[in-house]
N, C-alpha and C. Protein backbone atom coordinates (compact mmCIF):
# COMPACT_ATOMS: atom_id res chain seq x y z
N MET A 1 -14.15 -16.72 77.93
CA MET A 1 -13.31 -17.75 78.48
C MET A 1 -12.72 -18.63 77.39
N PHE A 2 -13.51 -19.01 76.38
CA PHE A 2 -13.03 -19.87 75.31
C PHE A 2 -12.77 -19.04 74.06
N ALA A 3 -11.76 -18.22 74.10
CA ALA A 3 -11.45 -17.34 72.99
C ALA A 3 -10.87 -18.09 71.81
N HIS A 4 -10.17 -19.18 72.06
CA HIS A 4 -9.55 -19.94 70.98
C HIS A 4 -10.63 -20.64 70.17
N LYS A 5 -10.67 -20.36 68.88
CA LYS A 5 -11.72 -20.88 68.01
C LYS A 5 -11.78 -22.41 68.00
N GLY A 6 -10.65 -23.09 68.03
CA GLY A 6 -10.62 -24.55 68.02
C GLY A 6 -11.29 -25.15 69.24
N VAL A 7 -11.13 -24.51 70.38
CA VAL A 7 -11.75 -25.01 71.60
C VAL A 7 -13.25 -24.75 71.56
N LYS A 8 -13.66 -23.57 71.14
CA LYS A 8 -15.07 -23.22 71.13
C LYS A 8 -15.86 -24.11 70.18
N SER A 9 -15.29 -24.50 69.05
CA SER A 9 -16.03 -25.28 68.06
C SER A 9 -16.35 -26.69 68.54
N ALA A 10 -15.73 -27.12 69.64
CA ALA A 10 -16.02 -28.46 70.16
C ALA A 10 -17.36 -28.51 70.89
N PHE A 11 -17.96 -27.36 71.17
CA PHE A 11 -19.23 -27.31 71.89
C PHE A 11 -20.39 -27.14 70.92
N GLU A 12 -21.52 -27.69 71.31
CA GLU A 12 -22.71 -27.57 70.49
C GLU A 12 -23.18 -26.12 70.42
N ASP A 13 -23.86 -25.80 69.33
CA ASP A 13 -24.42 -24.47 69.18
C ASP A 13 -25.76 -24.34 69.91
N ARG A 14 -26.34 -25.48 70.35
CA ARG A 14 -27.56 -25.40 71.15
C ARG A 14 -27.22 -24.84 72.52
N SER A 15 -28.15 -24.10 73.08
CA SER A 15 -27.94 -23.60 74.43
C SER A 15 -27.96 -24.78 75.41
N LEU A 16 -27.38 -24.58 76.57
CA LEU A 16 -27.40 -25.62 77.60
C LEU A 16 -28.84 -25.93 77.98
N LYS A 17 -29.67 -24.92 78.06
CA LYS A 17 -31.08 -25.11 78.40
C LYS A 17 -31.75 -26.01 77.35
N GLN A 18 -31.47 -25.80 76.07
CA GLN A 18 -32.06 -26.61 75.00
C GLN A 18 -31.52 -28.04 75.05
N GLN A 19 -30.22 -28.19 75.34
CA GLN A 19 -29.64 -29.53 75.44
C GLN A 19 -30.32 -30.31 76.57
N VAL A 20 -30.53 -29.65 77.71
CA VAL A 20 -31.19 -30.31 78.84
C VAL A 20 -32.62 -30.67 78.47
N GLU A 21 -33.33 -29.77 77.83
CA GLU A 21 -34.72 -30.05 77.44
C GLU A 21 -34.78 -31.21 76.46
N ASP A 22 -33.88 -31.24 75.47
CA ASP A 22 -33.83 -32.35 74.51
C ASP A 22 -33.53 -33.67 75.21
N THR A 23 -32.63 -33.64 76.18
CA THR A 23 -32.30 -34.85 76.93
C THR A 23 -33.51 -35.33 77.74
N LYS A 24 -34.25 -34.41 78.31
CA LYS A 24 -35.46 -34.78 79.06
C LYS A 24 -36.50 -35.41 78.12
N ILE A 25 -36.68 -34.81 76.96
CA ILE A 25 -37.63 -35.36 75.98
C ILE A 25 -37.21 -36.78 75.61
N HIS A 26 -35.93 -36.95 75.30
CA HIS A 26 -35.41 -38.26 74.89
C HIS A 26 -35.61 -39.30 75.99
N ALA A 27 -35.26 -38.95 77.21
CA ALA A 27 -35.41 -39.89 78.34
C ALA A 27 -36.88 -40.26 78.54
N ASN A 28 -37.77 -39.30 78.44
CA ASN A 28 -39.19 -39.57 78.60
C ASN A 28 -39.68 -40.51 77.50
N LEU A 29 -39.25 -40.28 76.27
CA LEU A 29 -39.67 -41.14 75.16
C LEU A 29 -39.21 -42.58 75.38
N LEU A 30 -37.95 -42.75 75.79
CA LEU A 30 -37.44 -44.10 76.03
C LEU A 30 -38.23 -44.80 77.13
N GLN A 31 -38.56 -44.06 78.16
CA GLN A 31 -39.35 -44.63 79.26
C GLN A 31 -40.73 -45.06 78.76
N GLU A 32 -41.33 -44.25 77.93
CA GLU A 32 -42.65 -44.57 77.37
C GLU A 32 -42.57 -45.76 76.41
N TYR A 33 -41.49 -45.85 75.64
CA TYR A 33 -41.30 -47.00 74.73
C TYR A 33 -41.30 -48.30 75.54
N LEU A 34 -40.61 -48.28 76.69
CA LEU A 34 -40.52 -49.48 77.53
C LEU A 34 -41.89 -49.97 77.98
N ARG A 35 -42.82 -49.05 78.15
CA ARG A 35 -44.18 -49.43 78.57
C ARG A 35 -44.90 -50.21 77.47
N VAL A 36 -44.52 -49.95 76.20
CA VAL A 36 -45.14 -50.62 75.07
C VAL A 36 -44.49 -51.98 74.83
N ASP A 37 -43.14 -51.99 74.82
CA ASP A 37 -42.39 -53.22 74.51
C ASP A 37 -40.97 -53.02 75.02
N SER A 38 -40.45 -53.96 75.75
CA SER A 38 -39.11 -53.81 76.35
C SER A 38 -38.00 -53.70 75.31
N GLY A 39 -38.25 -54.16 74.10
CA GLY A 39 -37.24 -54.06 73.04
C GLY A 39 -37.35 -52.82 72.19
N LEU A 40 -38.41 -52.05 72.38
CA LEU A 40 -38.64 -50.88 71.54
C LEU A 40 -37.52 -49.84 71.59
N PRO A 41 -36.90 -49.58 72.75
CA PRO A 41 -35.79 -48.62 72.75
C PRO A 41 -34.61 -49.06 71.88
N VAL A 42 -34.48 -50.36 71.64
CA VAL A 42 -33.43 -50.87 70.75
C VAL A 42 -33.91 -50.79 69.29
N ASP A 43 -35.18 -51.06 69.06
CA ASP A 43 -35.73 -51.09 67.71
C ASP A 43 -35.82 -49.71 67.08
N VAL A 44 -36.13 -48.70 67.89
CA VAL A 44 -36.37 -47.35 67.37
C VAL A 44 -35.26 -46.42 67.84
N ASN A 45 -34.53 -45.85 66.89
CA ASN A 45 -33.53 -44.84 67.20
C ASN A 45 -34.25 -43.50 67.28
N THR A 46 -34.04 -42.80 68.37
CA THR A 46 -34.72 -41.53 68.60
C THR A 46 -33.66 -40.46 68.84
N ASP A 47 -33.57 -39.51 67.90
CA ASP A 47 -32.64 -38.40 68.04
C ASP A 47 -33.46 -37.12 68.21
N VAL A 48 -33.14 -36.33 69.24
CA VAL A 48 -33.87 -35.11 69.52
C VAL A 48 -32.92 -33.93 69.36
N TRP A 49 -33.34 -32.95 68.58
CA TRP A 49 -32.54 -31.75 68.35
C TRP A 49 -33.47 -30.55 68.34
N GLU A 50 -33.34 -29.70 69.34
CA GLU A 50 -34.13 -28.49 69.46
C GLU A 50 -35.63 -28.78 69.40
N GLY A 51 -36.03 -29.85 70.06
CA GLY A 51 -37.44 -30.21 70.12
C GLY A 51 -37.96 -30.93 68.89
N ARG A 52 -37.10 -31.12 67.91
CA ARG A 52 -37.46 -31.87 66.70
C ARG A 52 -36.98 -33.30 66.90
N VAL A 53 -37.79 -34.29 66.51
CA VAL A 53 -37.47 -35.69 66.76
C VAL A 53 -37.33 -36.44 65.44
N LEU A 54 -36.19 -37.11 65.27
CA LEU A 54 -35.93 -37.97 64.12
C LEU A 54 -36.04 -39.41 64.58
N LEU A 55 -36.97 -40.14 63.97
CA LEU A 55 -37.17 -41.56 64.28
C LEU A 55 -36.67 -42.42 63.14
N THR A 56 -35.83 -43.39 63.47
CA THR A 56 -35.38 -44.38 62.50
C THR A 56 -35.42 -45.73 63.20
N GLY A 57 -35.20 -46.77 62.45
CA GLY A 57 -35.17 -48.09 63.05
C GLY A 57 -36.13 -49.03 62.37
N LEU A 58 -36.37 -50.16 63.04
CA LEU A 58 -37.13 -51.25 62.45
C LEU A 58 -38.03 -51.87 63.52
N VAL A 59 -39.34 -51.93 63.24
CA VAL A 59 -40.28 -52.60 64.12
C VAL A 59 -41.00 -53.68 63.33
N ASP A 60 -41.61 -54.63 64.05
CA ASP A 60 -42.23 -55.77 63.37
C ASP A 60 -43.74 -55.64 63.19
N SER A 61 -44.29 -54.48 63.53
CA SER A 61 -45.73 -54.31 63.31
C SER A 61 -46.09 -52.84 63.19
N GLU A 62 -47.12 -52.60 62.43
CA GLU A 62 -47.66 -51.24 62.30
C GLU A 62 -48.18 -50.75 63.64
N LYS A 63 -48.68 -51.67 64.45
CA LYS A 63 -49.20 -51.33 65.78
C LYS A 63 -48.11 -50.70 66.65
N LYS A 64 -46.89 -51.27 66.62
CA LYS A 64 -45.79 -50.71 67.41
C LYS A 64 -45.38 -49.34 66.88
N ARG A 65 -45.33 -49.22 65.56
CA ARG A 65 -44.99 -47.93 64.95
C ARG A 65 -46.01 -46.88 65.36
N ASP A 66 -47.29 -47.22 65.29
CA ASP A 66 -48.36 -46.29 65.70
C ASP A 66 -48.25 -45.94 67.17
N ALA A 67 -47.86 -46.90 68.00
CA ALA A 67 -47.71 -46.65 69.44
C ALA A 67 -46.61 -45.61 69.68
N VAL A 68 -45.50 -45.73 68.95
CA VAL A 68 -44.40 -44.76 69.08
C VAL A 68 -44.89 -43.37 68.68
N LEU A 69 -45.58 -43.28 67.55
CA LEU A 69 -46.07 -41.98 67.09
C LEU A 69 -47.08 -41.39 68.05
N SER A 70 -47.89 -42.23 68.66
CA SER A 70 -48.86 -41.76 69.65
C SER A 70 -48.16 -41.18 70.87
N ILE A 71 -47.08 -41.82 71.29
CA ILE A 71 -46.29 -41.32 72.42
C ILE A 71 -45.77 -39.93 72.10
N LEU A 72 -45.24 -39.74 70.90
CA LEU A 72 -44.70 -38.45 70.52
C LEU A 72 -45.78 -37.38 70.45
N ARG A 73 -46.94 -37.74 69.93
CA ARG A 73 -48.05 -36.77 69.84
C ARG A 73 -48.47 -36.30 71.23
N GLY A 74 -48.25 -37.12 72.24
CA GLY A 74 -48.63 -36.78 73.60
C GLY A 74 -47.66 -35.85 74.32
N ASP A 75 -46.56 -35.50 73.70
CA ASP A 75 -45.56 -34.63 74.33
C ASP A 75 -45.59 -33.26 73.67
N SER A 76 -46.11 -32.28 74.38
CA SER A 76 -46.28 -30.92 73.82
C SER A 76 -44.96 -30.20 73.57
N ARG A 77 -43.86 -30.71 74.11
CA ARG A 77 -42.55 -30.07 73.88
C ARG A 77 -42.00 -30.37 72.50
N ILE A 78 -42.54 -31.38 71.83
CA ILE A 78 -42.04 -31.79 70.52
C ILE A 78 -42.62 -30.89 69.44
N LYS A 79 -41.71 -30.27 68.68
CA LYS A 79 -42.11 -29.31 67.64
C LYS A 79 -42.33 -29.96 66.29
N ALA A 80 -41.59 -31.01 65.99
CA ALA A 80 -41.71 -31.69 64.69
C ALA A 80 -41.25 -33.12 64.85
N VAL A 81 -41.85 -34.02 64.05
CA VAL A 81 -41.47 -35.43 64.06
C VAL A 81 -41.15 -35.84 62.63
N TYR A 82 -39.99 -36.46 62.45
CA TYR A 82 -39.56 -36.99 61.15
C TYR A 82 -39.53 -38.51 61.28
N ASP A 83 -40.58 -39.14 60.79
CA ASP A 83 -40.78 -40.57 60.98
C ASP A 83 -40.19 -41.37 59.83
N HIS A 84 -39.17 -42.15 60.14
CA HIS A 84 -38.55 -43.06 59.17
C HIS A 84 -38.42 -44.45 59.76
N ILE A 85 -39.39 -44.84 60.57
CA ILE A 85 -39.41 -46.19 61.13
C ILE A 85 -39.86 -47.14 60.03
N LEU A 86 -39.10 -48.19 59.83
CA LEU A 86 -39.41 -49.18 58.80
C LEU A 86 -40.06 -50.41 59.43
N LEU A 87 -40.85 -51.11 58.63
CA LEU A 87 -41.44 -52.37 59.07
C LEU A 87 -40.57 -53.52 58.60
N GLY A 88 -40.34 -54.47 59.47
CA GLY A 88 -39.55 -55.65 59.14
C GLY A 88 -40.21 -56.89 59.72
N SER A 89 -39.66 -58.00 59.38
CA SER A 89 -40.20 -59.26 59.91
C SER A 89 -39.78 -59.40 61.37
N PRO A 90 -40.52 -60.18 62.14
CA PRO A 90 -40.11 -60.44 63.53
C PRO A 90 -38.68 -61.00 63.61
N ALA A 91 -38.31 -61.86 62.65
CA ALA A 91 -36.96 -62.43 62.66
C ALA A 91 -35.90 -61.34 62.44
N GLU A 92 -36.17 -60.40 61.55
CA GLU A 92 -35.23 -59.32 61.29
C GLU A 92 -35.07 -58.42 62.52
N VAL A 93 -36.18 -58.13 63.19
CA VAL A 93 -36.13 -57.32 64.40
C VAL A 93 -35.32 -58.04 65.48
N GLU A 94 -35.52 -59.34 65.62
CA GLU A 94 -34.75 -60.11 66.61
C GLU A 94 -33.26 -60.11 66.28
N ARG A 95 -32.91 -60.23 64.99
CA ARG A 95 -31.49 -60.16 64.60
C ARG A 95 -30.89 -58.81 64.97
N ASN A 96 -31.64 -57.73 64.75
CA ASN A 96 -31.16 -56.39 65.12
C ASN A 96 -30.97 -56.27 66.63
N ARG A 97 -31.90 -56.84 67.40
CA ARG A 97 -31.77 -56.79 68.86
C ARG A 97 -30.55 -57.58 69.32
N ALA A 98 -30.34 -58.74 68.73
CA ALA A 98 -29.17 -59.56 69.08
C ALA A 98 -27.88 -58.84 68.71
N ALA A 99 -27.86 -58.20 67.55
CA ALA A 99 -26.67 -57.46 67.12
C ALA A 99 -26.39 -56.28 68.03
N ALA A 100 -27.45 -55.64 68.52
CA ALA A 100 -27.26 -54.50 69.42
C ALA A 100 -26.58 -54.93 70.72
N LYS A 101 -26.85 -56.15 71.17
CA LYS A 101 -26.23 -56.66 72.39
C LYS A 101 -24.75 -56.93 72.19
N THR A 102 -24.35 -57.21 70.94
CA THR A 102 -22.95 -57.54 70.65
C THR A 102 -22.36 -56.57 69.64
N LYS A 103 -22.81 -55.31 69.67
CA LYS A 103 -22.39 -54.34 68.67
C LYS A 103 -20.87 -54.23 68.49
N PRO A 104 -20.08 -54.20 69.55
CA PRO A 104 -18.63 -54.11 69.32
C PRO A 104 -18.12 -55.26 68.45
N ALA A 105 -18.62 -56.46 68.64
CA ALA A 105 -18.19 -57.59 67.83
C ALA A 105 -18.61 -57.39 66.38
N VAL A 106 -19.80 -56.85 66.16
CA VAL A 106 -20.27 -56.59 64.80
C VAL A 106 -19.36 -55.58 64.13
N GLU A 107 -19.02 -54.52 64.86
CA GLU A 107 -18.17 -53.49 64.27
C GLU A 107 -16.77 -54.02 63.96
N ARG A 108 -16.25 -54.96 64.75
CA ARG A 108 -14.92 -55.52 64.48
C ARG A 108 -14.95 -56.45 63.28
N ASP A 109 -16.07 -57.09 63.01
CA ASP A 109 -16.15 -58.09 61.96
C ASP A 109 -16.77 -57.52 60.70
N ILE A 110 -16.20 -56.44 60.21
CA ILE A 110 -16.72 -55.74 59.03
C ILE A 110 -16.66 -56.64 57.79
N VAL A 111 -15.78 -57.63 57.78
CA VAL A 111 -15.61 -58.49 56.62
C VAL A 111 -16.94 -59.13 56.19
N LYS A 112 -17.77 -59.48 57.15
CA LYS A 112 -19.05 -60.12 56.82
C LYS A 112 -20.01 -59.18 56.11
N LEU A 113 -19.88 -57.89 56.36
CA LEU A 113 -20.70 -56.85 55.73
C LEU A 113 -22.19 -57.18 55.69
N SER A 114 -22.72 -57.64 56.80
CA SER A 114 -24.17 -57.78 56.89
C SER A 114 -24.74 -56.37 56.85
N ARG A 115 -26.02 -56.26 56.68
CA ARG A 115 -26.62 -54.93 56.62
C ARG A 115 -26.36 -54.17 57.91
N ILE A 116 -26.42 -54.84 59.05
CA ILE A 116 -26.18 -54.15 60.32
C ILE A 116 -24.76 -53.64 60.38
N ALA A 117 -23.80 -54.46 59.96
CA ALA A 117 -22.40 -54.04 59.96
C ALA A 117 -22.20 -52.91 58.97
N SER A 118 -22.87 -52.99 57.83
CA SER A 118 -22.75 -51.94 56.82
C SER A 118 -23.25 -50.61 57.38
N ASP A 119 -24.40 -50.63 58.07
CA ASP A 119 -24.92 -49.40 58.66
C ASP A 119 -23.97 -48.87 59.74
N ALA A 120 -23.44 -49.74 60.57
CA ALA A 120 -22.49 -49.32 61.60
C ALA A 120 -21.23 -48.74 60.97
N TRP A 121 -20.79 -49.34 59.87
CA TRP A 121 -19.61 -48.83 59.16
C TRP A 121 -19.89 -47.45 58.61
N ILE A 122 -21.05 -47.25 57.99
CA ILE A 122 -21.41 -45.94 57.44
C ILE A 122 -21.43 -44.89 58.55
N GLU A 123 -22.06 -45.22 59.68
CA GLU A 123 -22.13 -44.27 60.80
C GLU A 123 -20.74 -43.90 61.30
N ALA A 124 -19.88 -44.90 61.46
CA ALA A 124 -18.52 -44.64 61.94
C ALA A 124 -17.72 -43.84 60.92
N LYS A 125 -17.87 -44.17 59.66
CA LYS A 125 -17.16 -43.45 58.60
C LYS A 125 -17.59 -41.98 58.58
N LEU A 126 -18.88 -41.72 58.69
CA LEU A 126 -19.36 -40.34 58.71
C LEU A 126 -18.80 -39.59 59.90
N LYS A 127 -18.78 -40.23 61.06
CA LYS A 127 -18.24 -39.58 62.26
C LYS A 127 -16.79 -39.15 62.02
N GLY A 128 -15.99 -40.05 61.48
CA GLY A 128 -14.60 -39.73 61.21
C GLY A 128 -14.45 -38.61 60.19
N GLN A 129 -15.26 -38.67 59.14
CA GLN A 129 -15.18 -37.64 58.10
C GLN A 129 -15.61 -36.28 58.64
N PHE A 130 -16.68 -36.25 59.44
CA PHE A 130 -17.14 -34.97 60.00
C PHE A 130 -16.08 -34.39 60.94
N LEU A 131 -15.49 -35.25 61.77
CA LEU A 131 -14.46 -34.78 62.70
C LEU A 131 -13.23 -34.25 61.97
N ALA A 132 -12.91 -34.86 60.84
CA ALA A 132 -11.69 -34.49 60.11
C ALA A 132 -11.89 -33.32 59.16
N THR A 133 -13.10 -32.89 58.95
CA THR A 133 -13.38 -31.84 57.97
C THR A 133 -13.47 -30.48 58.63
N GLN A 134 -12.58 -29.60 58.22
CA GLN A 134 -12.61 -28.24 58.74
C GLN A 134 -13.88 -27.55 58.24
N GLY A 135 -14.53 -26.84 59.13
CA GLY A 135 -15.76 -26.14 58.77
C GLY A 135 -17.02 -26.92 59.09
N VAL A 136 -16.85 -28.14 59.66
CA VAL A 136 -18.00 -28.93 60.09
C VAL A 136 -17.93 -29.10 61.60
N ASN A 137 -18.94 -28.61 62.29
CA ASN A 137 -19.02 -28.77 63.74
C ASN A 137 -19.88 -30.00 64.02
N SER A 138 -19.25 -31.16 64.04
CA SER A 138 -19.96 -32.44 64.09
C SER A 138 -20.87 -32.61 65.30
N VAL A 139 -20.59 -31.91 66.39
CA VAL A 139 -21.43 -32.06 67.58
C VAL A 139 -22.82 -31.47 67.38
N ASN A 140 -23.03 -30.75 66.31
CA ASN A 140 -24.33 -30.15 66.03
C ASN A 140 -25.24 -31.06 65.21
N TYR A 141 -24.84 -32.31 65.03
CA TYR A 141 -25.61 -33.24 64.19
C TYR A 141 -25.79 -34.58 64.89
N ARG A 142 -26.91 -35.23 64.58
CA ARG A 142 -27.14 -36.61 64.96
C ARG A 142 -27.53 -37.34 63.69
N TRP A 143 -26.96 -38.52 63.47
CA TRP A 143 -27.26 -39.26 62.25
C TRP A 143 -27.39 -40.74 62.55
N GLN A 144 -28.17 -41.40 61.71
CA GLN A 144 -28.38 -42.84 61.80
C GLN A 144 -28.34 -43.40 60.38
N ALA A 145 -27.86 -44.62 60.25
CA ALA A 145 -27.92 -45.34 58.98
C ALA A 145 -28.81 -46.56 59.21
N VAL A 146 -29.79 -46.71 58.34
CA VAL A 146 -30.69 -47.86 58.40
C VAL A 146 -30.85 -48.37 56.97
N ARG A 147 -30.42 -49.62 56.77
CA ARG A 147 -30.48 -50.23 55.43
C ARG A 147 -29.76 -49.36 54.39
N ASN A 148 -28.63 -48.84 54.77
CA ASN A 148 -27.76 -48.02 53.92
C ASN A 148 -28.37 -46.66 53.56
N LYS A 149 -29.41 -46.27 54.26
CA LYS A 149 -30.00 -44.95 54.11
C LYS A 149 -29.58 -44.12 55.31
N VAL A 150 -29.14 -42.90 55.07
CA VAL A 150 -28.68 -42.04 56.16
C VAL A 150 -29.74 -40.98 56.45
N TYR A 151 -30.02 -40.82 57.75
CA TYR A 151 -30.96 -39.83 58.24
C TYR A 151 -30.18 -38.92 59.17
N ILE A 152 -30.25 -37.60 58.95
CA ILE A 152 -29.48 -36.66 59.76
C ILE A 152 -30.36 -35.49 60.19
N ILE A 153 -30.15 -35.07 61.44
CA ILE A 153 -30.85 -33.92 62.01
C ILE A 153 -29.82 -33.05 62.70
N GLY A 154 -30.07 -31.76 62.75
CA GLY A 154 -29.16 -30.86 63.45
C GLY A 154 -29.25 -29.45 62.95
N ARG A 155 -28.18 -28.70 63.21
CA ARG A 155 -28.13 -27.29 62.83
C ARG A 155 -26.74 -26.95 62.31
N ALA A 156 -26.72 -26.39 61.11
CA ALA A 156 -25.46 -25.92 60.52
C ALA A 156 -25.29 -24.43 60.84
N ARG A 157 -24.06 -24.03 61.01
CA ARG A 157 -23.80 -22.62 61.29
C ARG A 157 -23.97 -21.76 60.05
N THR A 158 -23.73 -22.36 58.87
CA THR A 158 -23.86 -21.63 57.60
C THR A 158 -24.43 -22.57 56.54
N GLU A 159 -24.91 -21.98 55.47
CA GLU A 159 -25.40 -22.77 54.35
C GLU A 159 -24.26 -23.60 53.74
N SER A 160 -23.04 -23.04 53.71
CA SER A 160 -21.92 -23.79 53.14
C SER A 160 -21.55 -24.99 54.01
N GLU A 161 -21.70 -24.88 55.35
CA GLU A 161 -21.47 -26.03 56.21
C GLU A 161 -22.49 -27.12 55.92
N LYS A 162 -23.75 -26.73 55.76
CA LYS A 162 -24.79 -27.71 55.45
C LYS A 162 -24.47 -28.42 54.14
N LYS A 163 -24.09 -27.67 53.13
CA LYS A 163 -23.76 -28.27 51.82
C LYS A 163 -22.58 -29.23 51.95
N LEU A 164 -21.60 -28.87 52.76
CA LEU A 164 -20.43 -29.72 52.96
C LEU A 164 -20.82 -31.03 53.67
N VAL A 165 -21.66 -30.94 54.69
CA VAL A 165 -22.12 -32.14 55.40
C VAL A 165 -22.86 -33.07 54.44
N LEU A 166 -23.76 -32.51 53.65
CA LEU A 166 -24.53 -33.32 52.70
C LEU A 166 -23.63 -33.93 51.62
N GLN A 167 -22.62 -33.18 51.19
CA GLN A 167 -21.66 -33.68 50.21
C GLN A 167 -20.88 -34.87 50.78
N ILE A 168 -20.46 -34.77 52.03
CA ILE A 168 -19.74 -35.87 52.68
C ILE A 168 -20.60 -37.12 52.73
N ILE A 169 -21.86 -36.95 53.13
CA ILE A 169 -22.75 -38.11 53.23
C ILE A 169 -22.95 -38.74 51.86
N ARG A 170 -23.28 -37.91 50.87
CA ARG A 170 -23.53 -38.45 49.52
C ARG A 170 -22.30 -39.12 48.93
N GLY A 171 -21.11 -38.69 49.34
CA GLY A 171 -19.88 -39.26 48.82
C GLY A 171 -19.37 -40.47 49.59
N THR A 172 -20.08 -40.87 50.63
CA THR A 172 -19.65 -42.00 51.45
C THR A 172 -20.09 -43.31 50.82
N LYS A 173 -19.15 -44.19 50.62
CA LYS A 173 -19.43 -45.48 50.01
C LYS A 173 -20.47 -46.24 50.82
N GLY A 174 -21.44 -46.80 50.12
CA GLY A 174 -22.48 -47.59 50.75
C GLY A 174 -23.78 -46.83 50.99
N VAL A 175 -23.73 -45.50 50.98
CA VAL A 175 -24.95 -44.71 51.20
C VAL A 175 -25.78 -44.72 49.92
N ILE A 176 -27.02 -45.19 50.04
CA ILE A 176 -27.88 -45.26 48.85
C ILE A 176 -28.98 -44.20 48.88
N HIS A 177 -29.19 -43.56 50.03
CA HIS A 177 -30.25 -42.56 50.13
C HIS A 177 -29.95 -41.65 51.32
N LEU A 178 -30.40 -40.41 51.23
CA LEU A 178 -30.17 -39.43 52.29
C LEU A 178 -31.47 -38.68 52.57
N GLU A 179 -31.82 -38.59 53.84
CA GLU A 179 -32.92 -37.74 54.31
C GLU A 179 -32.31 -36.78 55.31
N GLU A 180 -32.48 -35.47 55.08
CA GLU A 180 -31.85 -34.52 56.00
C GLU A 180 -32.86 -33.55 56.58
N TYR A 181 -32.59 -33.22 57.84
CA TYR A 181 -33.41 -32.27 58.57
C TYR A 181 -32.45 -31.31 59.28
N ILE A 182 -31.64 -30.65 58.48
CA ILE A 182 -30.63 -29.72 58.98
C ILE A 182 -31.16 -28.30 58.80
N GLN A 183 -31.20 -27.56 59.89
CA GLN A 183 -31.56 -26.16 59.81
C GLN A 183 -30.28 -25.35 59.81
N VAL A 184 -30.34 -24.15 59.24
CA VAL A 184 -29.19 -23.26 59.18
C VAL A 184 -29.45 -22.07 60.08
N ASN A 185 -28.44 -21.71 60.91
CA ASN A 185 -28.58 -20.56 61.80
C ASN A 185 -28.97 -19.33 61.03
């Protein structure tokens, strides 16, 4: 049905069954986070790709971080966990929560270049670059920027696509570190 290559590349390479399973895992994790702390779904970014979970974000205690990891250990569908949750002060976590409520305003006011705006700018810049680059199927990736560090998970169709994605990230202004969990078909 989708013989035209341009149309087909807009779809993820994950099967529909895997996409549904990943969505179920994600929804369950968010629900469990709420049981620990109502702000935890905002504090912890959770990206699920083929049963692999990438955690990023900022919490104000080791206890909350351990609670998140305990939740993940309790889900047998999860194949791997990449934990990049950072510890921050309660004030920093509150600033992040407040910024999340007004994210569009933060993204419009790039001039201030706070760390949150910088991370949002990096994420938006990467999205645009991936979409504009031939040979990169951007729907096969999930990425987060935290404190100017980029974390990416997904699946590349070829080794050259993976290298291109990593090259784009490393060449993006403001990125100071990269952690990748990209598998190649």
